[in-house]
Amino acid sequence: MALELDYEHDLGFTMNGIYAKIERLSLENKNNDEDISVDYTVKFYKTETARQEGEHPFGGKSFTMPLNVSNGKTQYNLVRQCYLHLKEQEGFTNSIDS
């Protein structure tokens, strides 16, 4: 799973159709099972093919979210939860599943 989107670079230009893939996840269970935070990192590639051919990412971002244990459909799929969260973040709201 990954996302495709038009990425607005910090330098002021837009890259169309980049491939954004979550490549790292970690959990922190602070006090109890109701207070679990998830940190994840998404990496950016020119295209899916570029990633498959071993090209290095040109950038990335990290995010933190609470683990959602209330939704039976996604509660055991941590990667899916991260992608759903990512699609709600600024710059990713118009992304499509890839």
N, C-alpha and C. Protein backbone atom coordinates (compact mmCIF):
# COMPACT_ATOMS: atom_id res chain seq x y z
N MET A 1 0.84 -1.17 0.00
CA MET A 1 0.00 0.00 0.00
C MET A 1 0.88 1.24 0.00
N ALA A 2 0.40 2.28 -0.63
CA ALA A 2 1.08 3.57 -0.68
C ALA A 2 0.07 4.61 -1.15
N LEU A 3 0.52 5.84 -1.28
CA LEU A 3 -0.33 6.91 -1.79
C LEU A 3 0.35 7.58 -2.96
N GLU A 4 -0.45 8.10 -3.88
CA GLU A 4 0.05 8.96 -4.95
C GLU A 4 -0.55 10.33 -4.74
N LEU A 5 0.28 11.37 -4.94
CA LEU A 5 -0.19 12.73 -4.71
C LEU A 5 0.68 13.72 -5.44
N ASP A 6 0.18 14.93 -5.54
CA ASP A 6 0.96 16.05 -6.03
C ASP A 6 1.60 16.70 -4.81
N TYR A 7 2.92 16.74 -4.80
CA TYR A 7 3.67 17.18 -3.63
C TYR A 7 4.19 18.59 -3.83
N GLU A 8 3.83 19.46 -2.91
CA GLU A 8 4.32 20.84 -2.94
C GLU A 8 5.60 20.92 -2.11
N HIS A 9 6.70 21.09 -2.79
CA HIS A 9 8.02 21.14 -2.14
C HIS A 9 8.18 22.44 -1.38
N ASP A 10 8.98 22.41 -0.32
CA ASP A 10 9.25 23.60 0.48
C ASP A 10 9.88 24.73 -0.34
N LEU A 11 10.52 24.39 -1.45
CA LEU A 11 11.17 25.40 -2.29
C LEU A 11 10.19 26.09 -3.24
N GLY A 12 8.91 25.68 -3.22
CA GLY A 12 7.91 26.38 -3.99
C GLY A 12 7.49 25.76 -5.31
N PHE A 13 7.92 24.56 -5.60
CA PHE A 13 7.48 23.90 -6.84
C PHE A 13 6.68 22.65 -6.49
N THR A 14 5.89 22.20 -7.46
CA THR A 14 5.04 21.04 -7.26
C THR A 14 5.54 19.87 -8.10
N MET A 15 5.59 18.69 -7.49
CA MET A 15 5.94 17.46 -8.18
C MET A 15 4.66 16.64 -8.30
N ASN A 16 4.25 16.34 -9.52
CA ASN A 16 3.00 15.63 -9.76
C ASN A 16 3.20 14.11 -9.70
N GLY A 17 2.25 13.44 -9.05
CA GLY A 17 2.21 11.99 -9.05
C GLY A 17 3.32 11.30 -8.30
N ILE A 18 3.79 11.89 -7.19
CA ILE A 18 4.83 11.20 -6.44
C ILE A 18 4.24 10.00 -5.70
N TYR A 19 5.12 9.12 -5.27
CA TYR A 19 4.77 7.89 -4.57
C TYR A 19 5.19 8.06 -3.12
N ALA A 20 4.23 7.99 -2.20
CA ALA A 20 4.50 8.16 -0.77
C ALA A 20 4.23 6.85 -0.06
N LYS A 21 5.25 6.31 0.60
CA LYS A 21 5.14 5.00 1.24
C LYS A 21 5.56 5.08 2.69
N ILE A 22 4.73 4.55 3.58
CA ILE A 22 5.11 4.46 4.99
C ILE A 22 6.15 3.36 5.12
N GLU A 23 7.29 3.73 5.69
CA GLU A 23 8.39 2.77 5.76
C GLU A 23 8.82 2.43 7.17
N ARG A 24 8.31 3.15 8.16
CA ARG A 24 8.73 2.87 9.53
C ARG A 24 7.57 3.18 10.48
N LEU A 25 7.34 2.26 11.44
CA LEU A 25 6.31 2.43 12.48
C LEU A 25 6.90 2.09 13.83
N SER A 26 6.43 2.77 14.86
CA SER A 26 6.79 2.36 16.22
C SER A 26 5.64 2.71 17.15
N LEU A 27 5.52 1.95 18.22
CA LEU A 27 4.47 2.14 19.22
C LEU A 27 5.08 2.53 20.55
N GLU A 28 4.34 3.31 21.30
CA GLU A 28 4.74 3.61 22.66
C GLU A 28 3.51 3.47 23.55
N ASN A 29 3.55 2.51 24.45
CA ASN A 29 2.46 2.24 25.37
C ASN A 29 2.84 2.85 26.71
N LYS A 30 2.43 4.09 26.94
CA LYS A 30 2.88 4.86 28.09
C LYS A 30 2.37 4.33 29.42
N ASN A 31 1.06 4.35 29.60
CA ASN A 31 0.51 3.97 30.90
C ASN A 31 -0.37 2.73 30.86
N ASN A 32 -1.19 2.66 29.84
CA ASN A 32 -2.10 1.52 29.73
C ASN A 32 -2.45 1.35 28.25
N ASP A 33 -3.22 0.34 27.95
CA ASP A 33 -3.54 0.03 26.56
C ASP A 33 -4.44 1.07 25.89
N GLU A 34 -4.95 2.03 26.64
CA GLU A 34 -5.79 3.07 26.05
C GLU A 34 -4.98 4.32 25.70
N ASP A 35 -3.71 4.33 26.00
CA ASP A 35 -2.87 5.50 25.76
C ASP A 35 -1.65 5.12 24.93
N ILE A 36 -1.90 4.52 23.77
CA ILE A 36 -0.82 4.07 22.90
C ILE A 36 -0.66 5.07 21.76
N SER A 37 0.55 5.56 21.57
CA SER A 37 0.80 6.46 20.45
C SER A 37 1.62 5.72 19.39
N VAL A 38 1.38 6.08 18.15
CA VAL A 38 2.04 5.47 17.01
C VAL A 38 2.82 6.55 16.28
N ASP A 39 4.10 6.32 16.08
CA ASP A 39 4.94 7.20 15.28
C ASP A 39 5.20 6.48 13.96
N TYR A 40 5.09 7.23 12.86
CA TYR A 40 5.38 6.62 11.56
C TYR A 40 6.06 7.63 10.65
N THR A 41 6.81 7.09 9.71
CA THR A 41 7.56 7.91 8.76
C THR A 41 7.16 7.51 7.35
N VAL A 42 6.84 8.52 6.54
CA VAL A 42 6.52 8.31 5.14
C VAL A 42 7.67 8.85 4.31
N LYS A 43 8.08 8.09 3.31
CA LYS A 43 9.17 8.49 2.40
C LYS A 43 8.58 8.80 1.02
N PHE A 44 9.20 9.75 0.32
CA PHE A 44 8.73 10.20 -0.99
C PHE A 44 9.67 9.72 -2.09
N TYR A 45 9.07 9.16 -3.14
CA TYR A 45 9.80 8.70 -4.32
C TYR A 45 9.19 9.34 -5.56
N LYS A 46 9.99 9.47 -6.61
CA LYS A 46 9.46 10.03 -7.87
C LYS A 46 8.27 9.23 -8.37
N THR A 47 8.39 7.91 -8.34
CA THR A 47 7.35 7.01 -8.82
C THR A 47 7.45 5.69 -8.06
N GLU A 48 6.45 4.85 -8.20
CA GLU A 48 6.50 3.51 -7.62
C GLU A 48 7.64 2.71 -8.24
N THR A 49 7.82 2.86 -9.55
CA THR A 49 8.90 2.15 -10.24
C THR A 49 10.25 2.57 -9.70
N ALA A 50 10.43 3.86 -9.45
CA ALA A 50 11.70 4.34 -8.89
C ALA A 50 11.99 3.66 -7.55
N ARG A 51 10.98 3.51 -6.71
CA ARG A 51 11.17 2.83 -5.43
C ARG A 51 11.52 1.37 -5.64
N GLN A 52 10.80 0.70 -6.53
CA GLN A 52 11.04 -0.72 -6.79
C GLN A 52 12.43 -0.96 -7.36
N GLU A 53 12.95 0.01 -8.09
CA GLU A 53 14.28 -0.13 -8.68
C GLU A 53 15.39 0.32 -7.74
N GLY A 54 15.03 0.64 -6.50
CA GLY A 54 16.04 0.93 -5.49
C GLY A 54 16.51 2.36 -5.42
N GLU A 55 15.82 3.28 -6.11
CA GLU A 55 16.21 4.69 -6.00
C GLU A 55 15.94 5.18 -4.58
N HIS A 56 16.79 6.06 -4.12
CA HIS A 56 16.62 6.61 -2.78
C HIS A 56 15.47 7.61 -2.76
N PRO A 57 14.77 7.71 -1.62
CA PRO A 57 13.72 8.71 -1.52
C PRO A 57 14.32 10.11 -1.57
N PHE A 58 13.52 11.08 -2.05
CA PHE A 58 14.01 12.45 -2.10
C PHE A 58 13.57 13.25 -0.89
N GLY A 59 12.82 12.63 -0.01
CA GLY A 59 12.37 13.32 1.20
C GLY A 59 11.46 12.44 2.01
N GLY A 60 10.94 13.01 3.07
CA GLY A 60 10.02 12.27 3.93
C GLY A 60 9.52 13.15 5.06
N LYS A 61 8.54 12.63 5.79
CA LYS A 61 7.97 13.31 6.94
C LYS A 61 7.60 12.28 7.99
N SER A 62 7.57 12.74 9.23
CA SER A 62 7.16 11.87 10.34
C SER A 62 5.90 12.41 10.98
N PHE A 63 5.08 11.50 11.49
CA PHE A 63 3.81 11.84 12.11
C PHE A 63 3.61 11.01 13.37
N THR A 64 2.74 11.49 14.25
CA THR A 64 2.35 10.77 15.45
C THR A 64 0.84 10.78 15.54
N MET A 65 0.28 9.66 15.94
CA MET A 65 -1.18 9.56 16.10
C MET A 65 -1.49 8.62 17.25
N PRO A 66 -2.68 8.73 17.84
CA PRO A 66 -3.08 7.75 18.86
C PRO A 66 -3.55 6.48 18.17
N LEU A 67 -3.30 5.35 18.77
CA LEU A 67 -3.79 4.08 18.24
C LEU A 67 -5.30 4.01 18.46
N ASN A 68 -6.04 3.71 17.41
CA ASN A 68 -7.49 3.62 17.48
C ASN A 68 -7.87 2.16 17.68
N VAL A 69 -8.39 1.83 18.86
CA VAL A 69 -8.81 0.46 19.13
C VAL A 69 -10.32 0.32 19.11
N SER A 70 -11.03 1.39 18.71
CA SER A 70 -12.49 1.35 18.74
C SER A 70 -13.12 0.88 17.43
N ASN A 71 -12.38 0.91 16.34
CA ASN A 71 -12.94 0.52 15.04
C ASN A 71 -12.53 -0.91 14.72
N GLY A 72 -13.48 -1.81 14.74
CA GLY A 72 -13.19 -3.23 14.52
C GLY A 72 -12.58 -3.53 13.17
N LYS A 73 -12.89 -2.70 12.14
CA LYS A 73 -12.37 -2.97 10.80
C LYS A 73 -10.89 -2.65 10.67
N THR A 74 -10.39 -1.66 11.39
CA THR A 74 -8.99 -1.28 11.23
C THR A 74 -8.15 -1.44 12.49
N GLN A 75 -8.76 -1.80 13.60
CA GLN A 75 -8.02 -1.77 14.85
C GLN A 75 -6.80 -2.69 14.86
N TYR A 76 -6.82 -3.79 14.12
CA TYR A 76 -5.68 -4.69 14.11
C TYR A 76 -4.76 -4.47 12.92
N ASN A 77 -5.08 -3.51 12.07
CA ASN A 77 -4.25 -3.21 10.92
C ASN A 77 -3.60 -1.85 11.13
N LEU A 78 -2.47 -1.85 11.77
CA LEU A 78 -1.78 -0.63 12.13
C LEU A 78 -1.33 0.16 10.91
N VAL A 79 -0.88 -0.52 9.88
CA VAL A 79 -0.44 0.17 8.67
C VAL A 79 -1.62 0.90 8.04
N ARG A 80 -2.76 0.25 7.96
CA ARG A 80 -3.96 0.88 7.40
C ARG A 80 -4.35 2.11 8.22
N GLN A 81 -4.30 2.00 9.55
CA GLN A 81 -4.62 3.15 10.40
C GLN A 81 -3.69 4.33 10.10
N CYS A 82 -2.42 4.04 9.89
CA CYS A 82 -1.46 5.11 9.59
C CYS A 82 -1.78 5.78 8.25
N TYR A 83 -2.12 4.99 7.24
CA TYR A 83 -2.47 5.58 5.94
C TYR A 83 -3.75 6.41 6.05
N LEU A 84 -4.72 5.94 6.80
CA LEU A 84 -5.95 6.72 6.99
C LEU A 84 -5.64 8.04 7.69
N HIS A 85 -4.78 7.99 8.68
CA HIS A 85 -4.36 9.21 9.38
C HIS A 85 -3.61 10.14 8.44
N LEU A 86 -2.70 9.58 7.66
CA LEU A 86 -1.90 10.37 6.73
C LEU A 86 -2.78 11.12 5.74
N LYS A 87 -3.83 10.46 5.26
CA LYS A 87 -4.72 11.09 4.27
C LYS A 87 -5.52 12.25 4.86
N GLU A 88 -5.48 12.42 6.17
CA GLU A 88 -6.14 13.55 6.82
C GLU A 88 -5.18 14.72 7.08
N GLN A 89 -3.90 14.54 6.80
CA GLN A 89 -2.90 15.56 7.09
C GLN A 89 -2.77 16.54 5.93
N GLU A 90 -2.38 17.75 6.27
CA GLU A 90 -2.19 18.79 5.26
C GLU A 90 -1.22 18.32 4.19
N GLY A 91 -1.60 18.51 2.94
CA GLY A 91 -0.78 18.10 1.82
C GLY A 91 -1.08 16.69 1.32
N PHE A 92 -1.85 15.92 2.09
CA PHE A 92 -2.14 14.53 1.72
C PHE A 92 -3.63 14.29 1.50
N THR A 93 -4.47 15.29 1.71
CA THR A 93 -5.92 15.10 1.66
C THR A 93 -6.43 14.73 0.27
N ASN A 94 -5.71 15.10 -0.77
CA ASN A 94 -6.12 14.76 -2.14
C ASN A 94 -5.38 13.55 -2.70
N SER A 95 -4.67 12.84 -1.85
CA SER A 95 -3.92 11.68 -2.32
C SER A 95 -4.87 10.53 -2.63
N ILE A 96 -4.38 9.60 -3.46
CA ILE A 96 -5.16 8.41 -3.80
C ILE A 96 -4.36 7.17 -3.43
N ASP A 97 -5.07 6.12 -3.10
CA ASP A 97 -4.41 4.85 -2.76
C ASP A 97 -3.70 4.31 -3.98
N SER A 98 -2.54 3.74 -3.74
CA SER A 98 -1.75 3.19 -4.84
C SER A 98 -1.41 1.74 -4.53
